[in-house]
Amino acid sequence: MKKQKIYYRYYRYDGKPLVAKREILYEFKLTSRLLLDELCFQWNKEKLEDAINSSIDKGDKENFLKLSQAYKHFIWE
């Protein structure tokens, strides 16, 4: 079997020039990720606290126990 040869021809690009975007620095990526994680954590914790307080006000013991188990993940240290 004969070997196949491939020929490449280069043509000049006549379109608009492409502009390369600079990559975001790793420190900025990490800082923004940590900030978003902290904001989400605080928001979820506040919503859970509100739900626990409302279940206490309503006297719903089953819902309170379920929510308090979920709240344990927010207070471990």
N, C-alpha and C. Protein backbone atom coordinates (compact mmCIF):
# COMPACT_ATOMS: atom_id res chain seq x y z
N MET A 1 0.85 -1.17 0.00
CA MET A 1 0.00 0.00 0.00
C MET A 1 0.90 1.23 0.00
N LYS A 2 0.61 2.16 -0.90
CA LYS A 2 1.42 3.36 -1.00
C LYS A 2 1.07 4.32 0.12
N LYS A 3 2.06 5.05 0.56
CA LYS A 3 1.83 6.07 1.58
C LYS A 3 1.18 7.28 0.93
N GLN A 4 0.21 7.82 1.63
CA GLN A 4 -0.47 8.99 1.11
C GLN A 4 0.25 10.24 1.56
N LYS A 5 0.33 11.20 0.66
CA LYS A 5 0.97 12.46 0.99
C LYS A 5 -0.10 13.52 1.14
N ILE A 6 0.10 14.38 2.11
CA ILE A 6 -0.84 15.47 2.36
C ILE A 6 -0.11 16.77 2.09
N TYR A 7 -0.75 17.63 1.30
CA TYR A 7 -0.18 18.93 1.00
C TYR A 7 -1.02 20.00 1.68
N TYR A 8 -0.36 20.93 2.35
CA TYR A 8 -1.03 22.03 3.00
C TYR A 8 -0.73 23.31 2.23
N ARG A 9 -1.76 24.12 2.04
CA ARG A 9 -1.56 25.42 1.42
C ARG A 9 -2.03 26.48 2.42
N TYR A 10 -1.23 27.45 2.60
CA TYR A 10 -1.54 28.53 3.52
C TYR A 10 -2.06 29.72 2.73
N TYR A 11 -3.20 30.24 3.16
CA TYR A 11 -3.80 31.41 2.54
C TYR A 11 -3.80 32.56 3.54
N ARG A 12 -3.65 33.74 3.03
CA ARG A 12 -3.67 34.92 3.88
C ARG A 12 -5.10 35.15 4.36
N TYR A 13 -5.24 35.42 5.67
CA TYR A 13 -6.55 35.69 6.26
C TYR A 13 -6.94 37.12 5.96
N ASP A 14 -8.10 37.31 5.30
CA ASP A 14 -8.53 38.64 4.88
C ASP A 14 -9.59 39.24 5.81
N GLY A 15 -9.99 38.54 6.85
CA GLY A 15 -11.04 39.02 7.75
C GLY A 15 -10.49 40.01 8.77
N LYS A 16 -11.35 40.33 9.72
CA LYS A 16 -10.94 41.23 10.79
C LYS A 16 -9.88 40.56 11.66
N PRO A 17 -8.96 41.33 12.20
CA PRO A 17 -7.94 40.70 13.06
C PRO A 17 -8.55 40.20 14.35
N LEU A 18 -8.09 39.09 14.81
CA LEU A 18 -8.57 38.50 16.05
C LEU A 18 -7.84 39.14 17.22
N VAL A 19 -8.60 39.43 18.27
CA VAL A 19 -8.02 40.04 19.45
C VAL A 19 -8.02 39.00 20.57
N ALA A 20 -6.86 38.72 21.08
CA ALA A 20 -6.75 37.75 22.17
C ALA A 20 -7.09 38.44 23.48
N LYS A 21 -7.92 37.78 24.27
CA LYS A 21 -8.28 38.33 25.58
C LYS A 21 -7.26 37.88 26.61
N ARG A 22 -6.98 38.77 27.53
CA ARG A 22 -6.08 38.41 28.60
C ARG A 22 -6.78 37.49 29.58
N GLU A 23 -6.06 36.54 30.06
CA GLU A 23 -6.63 35.62 31.04
C GLU A 23 -6.68 36.29 32.40
N ILE A 24 -7.74 36.01 33.12
CA ILE A 24 -7.90 36.57 34.46
C ILE A 24 -6.88 35.93 35.39
N LEU A 25 -6.28 36.73 36.23
CA LEU A 25 -5.26 36.22 37.14
C LEU A 25 -5.86 35.19 38.10
N TYR A 26 -5.05 34.23 38.49
CA TYR A 26 -5.49 33.18 39.40
C TYR A 26 -5.97 33.76 40.73
N GLU A 27 -5.28 34.78 41.22
CA GLU A 27 -5.65 35.38 42.50
C GLU A 27 -7.05 36.00 42.43
N PHE A 28 -7.37 36.63 41.31
CA PHE A 28 -8.70 37.21 41.15
C PHE A 28 -9.77 36.13 41.08
N LYS A 29 -9.46 35.05 40.36
CA LYS A 29 -10.41 33.94 40.26
C LYS A 29 -10.68 33.34 41.64
N LEU A 30 -9.60 33.11 42.38
CA LEU A 30 -9.73 32.50 43.71
C LEU A 30 -10.48 33.42 44.66
N THR A 31 -10.15 34.70 44.65
CA THR A 31 -10.81 35.65 45.54
C THR A 31 -12.29 35.76 45.23
N SER A 32 -12.64 35.83 43.95
CA SER A 32 -14.05 35.94 43.59
C SER A 32 -14.80 34.66 43.95
N ARG A 33 -14.17 33.51 43.77
CA ARG A 33 -14.81 32.24 44.12
C ARG A 33 -15.06 32.15 45.63
N LEU A 34 -14.06 32.53 46.42
CA LEU A 34 -14.22 32.50 47.87
C LEU A 34 -15.28 33.48 48.35
N LEU A 35 -15.34 34.65 47.72
CA LEU A 35 -16.35 35.64 48.08
C LEU A 35 -17.76 35.13 47.76
N LEU A 36 -17.93 34.54 46.58
CA LEU A 36 -19.24 33.99 46.22
C LEU A 36 -19.64 32.83 47.13
N ASP A 37 -18.68 31.99 47.48
CA ASP A 37 -18.96 30.89 48.40
C ASP A 37 -19.41 31.41 49.77
N GLU A 38 -18.75 32.42 50.26
CA GLU A 38 -19.10 32.99 51.56
C GLU A 38 -20.49 33.63 51.51
N LEU A 39 -20.78 34.36 50.43
CA LEU A 39 -22.10 34.98 50.30
C LEU A 39 -23.21 33.93 50.24
N CYS A 40 -22.99 32.87 49.48
CA CYS A 40 -23.99 31.80 49.39
C CYS A 40 -24.17 31.11 50.74
N PHE A 41 -23.06 30.87 51.44
CA PHE A 41 -23.12 30.24 52.75
C PHE A 41 -23.95 31.08 53.72
N GLN A 42 -23.67 32.37 53.78
CA GLN A 42 -24.40 33.26 54.69
C GLN A 42 -25.88 33.33 54.32
N TRP A 43 -26.18 33.40 53.03
CA TRP A 43 -27.57 33.49 52.59
C TRP A 43 -28.33 32.22 52.97
N ASN A 44 -27.74 31.05 52.71
CA ASN A 44 -28.38 29.78 53.04
C ASN A 44 -28.57 29.64 54.55
N LYS A 45 -27.58 30.08 55.32
CA LYS A 45 -27.66 29.99 56.78
C LYS A 45 -28.79 30.87 57.30
N GLU A 46 -28.91 32.09 56.77
CA GLU A 46 -29.98 32.99 57.22
C GLU A 46 -31.36 32.45 56.87
N LYS A 47 -31.49 31.89 55.68
CA LYS A 47 -32.79 31.30 55.28
C LYS A 47 -33.16 30.13 56.19
N LEU A 48 -32.17 29.32 56.53
CA LEU A 48 -32.42 28.18 57.40
C LEU A 48 -32.77 28.64 58.81
N GLU A 49 -32.09 29.67 59.29
CA GLU A 49 -32.43 30.22 60.61
C GLU A 49 -33.85 30.78 60.63
N ASP A 50 -34.25 31.46 59.56
CA ASP A 50 -35.62 31.98 59.48
C ASP A 50 -36.64 30.84 59.48
N ALA A 51 -36.32 29.77 58.76
CA ALA A 51 -37.24 28.63 58.72
C ALA A 51 -37.34 27.96 60.09
N ILE A 52 -36.22 27.86 60.80
CA ILE A 52 -36.22 27.26 62.14
C ILE A 52 -37.04 28.13 63.10
N ASN A 53 -36.82 29.44 63.03
CA ASN A 53 -37.57 30.34 63.91
C ASN A 53 -39.07 30.30 63.63
N SER A 54 -39.44 30.19 62.36
CA SER A 54 -40.87 30.13 62.05
C SER A 54 -41.47 28.80 62.51
N SER A 55 -40.70 27.72 62.45
CA SER A 55 -41.23 26.43 62.93
C SER A 55 -41.37 26.44 64.45
N ILE A 56 -40.47 27.16 65.14
CA ILE A 56 -40.60 27.30 66.60
C ILE A 56 -41.85 28.11 66.92
N ASP A 57 -42.07 29.20 66.18
CA ASP A 57 -43.25 30.02 66.41
C ASP A 57 -44.54 29.26 66.16
N LYS A 58 -44.53 28.38 65.16
CA LYS A 58 -45.73 27.61 64.83
C LYS A 58 -45.89 26.40 65.74
N GLY A 59 -44.83 25.99 66.40
CA GLY A 59 -44.88 24.82 67.26
C GLY A 59 -44.78 23.52 66.49
N ASP A 60 -44.19 23.56 65.31
CA ASP A 60 -44.04 22.38 64.46
C ASP A 60 -42.74 21.66 64.83
N LYS A 61 -42.86 20.65 65.69
CA LYS A 61 -41.69 19.97 66.23
C LYS A 61 -40.98 19.14 65.16
N GLU A 62 -41.74 18.45 64.29
CA GLU A 62 -41.12 17.60 63.26
C GLU A 62 -40.28 18.43 62.29
N ASN A 63 -40.84 19.54 61.85
CA ASN A 63 -40.12 20.41 60.92
C ASN A 63 -38.89 21.02 61.61
N PHE A 64 -39.05 21.37 62.89
CA PHE A 64 -37.92 21.93 63.64
C PHE A 64 -36.77 20.93 63.74
N LEU A 65 -37.07 19.66 64.03
CA LEU A 65 -36.02 18.65 64.15
C LEU A 65 -35.33 18.42 62.81
N LYS A 66 -36.11 18.42 61.73
CA LYS A 66 -35.52 18.23 60.40
C LYS A 66 -34.60 19.40 60.04
N LEU A 67 -35.07 20.61 60.30
CA LEU A 67 -34.27 21.80 59.98
C LEU A 67 -33.05 21.92 60.88
N SER A 68 -33.19 21.52 62.14
CA SER A 68 -32.04 21.61 63.05
C SER A 68 -30.94 20.63 62.65
N GLN A 69 -31.32 19.48 62.08
CA GLN A 69 -30.30 18.55 61.58
C GLN A 69 -29.54 19.16 60.39
N ALA A 70 -30.26 19.87 59.54
CA ALA A 70 -29.61 20.52 58.40
C ALA A 70 -28.75 21.69 58.86
N TYR A 71 -29.15 22.33 59.95
CA TYR A 71 -28.42 23.49 60.47
C TYR A 71 -27.08 23.10 61.09
N LYS A 72 -26.95 21.85 61.51
CA LYS A 72 -25.70 21.40 62.13
C LYS A 72 -24.51 21.54 61.19
N HIS A 73 -24.76 21.45 59.87
CA HIS A 73 -23.67 21.58 58.91
C HIS A 73 -23.15 23.00 58.84
N PHE A 74 -23.96 23.97 59.27
CA PHE A 74 -23.55 25.36 59.21
C PHE A 74 -22.79 25.80 60.46
N ILE A 75 -22.88 25.04 61.56
CA ILE A 75 -22.28 25.51 62.81
C ILE A 75 -21.11 24.66 63.28
N TRP A 76 -20.73 23.61 62.55
CA TRP A 76 -19.61 22.80 63.01
C TRP A 76 -18.32 23.59 62.84
N GLU A 77 -17.44 23.44 63.81
CA GLU A 77 -16.15 24.15 63.76
C GLU A 77 -15.08 23.35 64.43
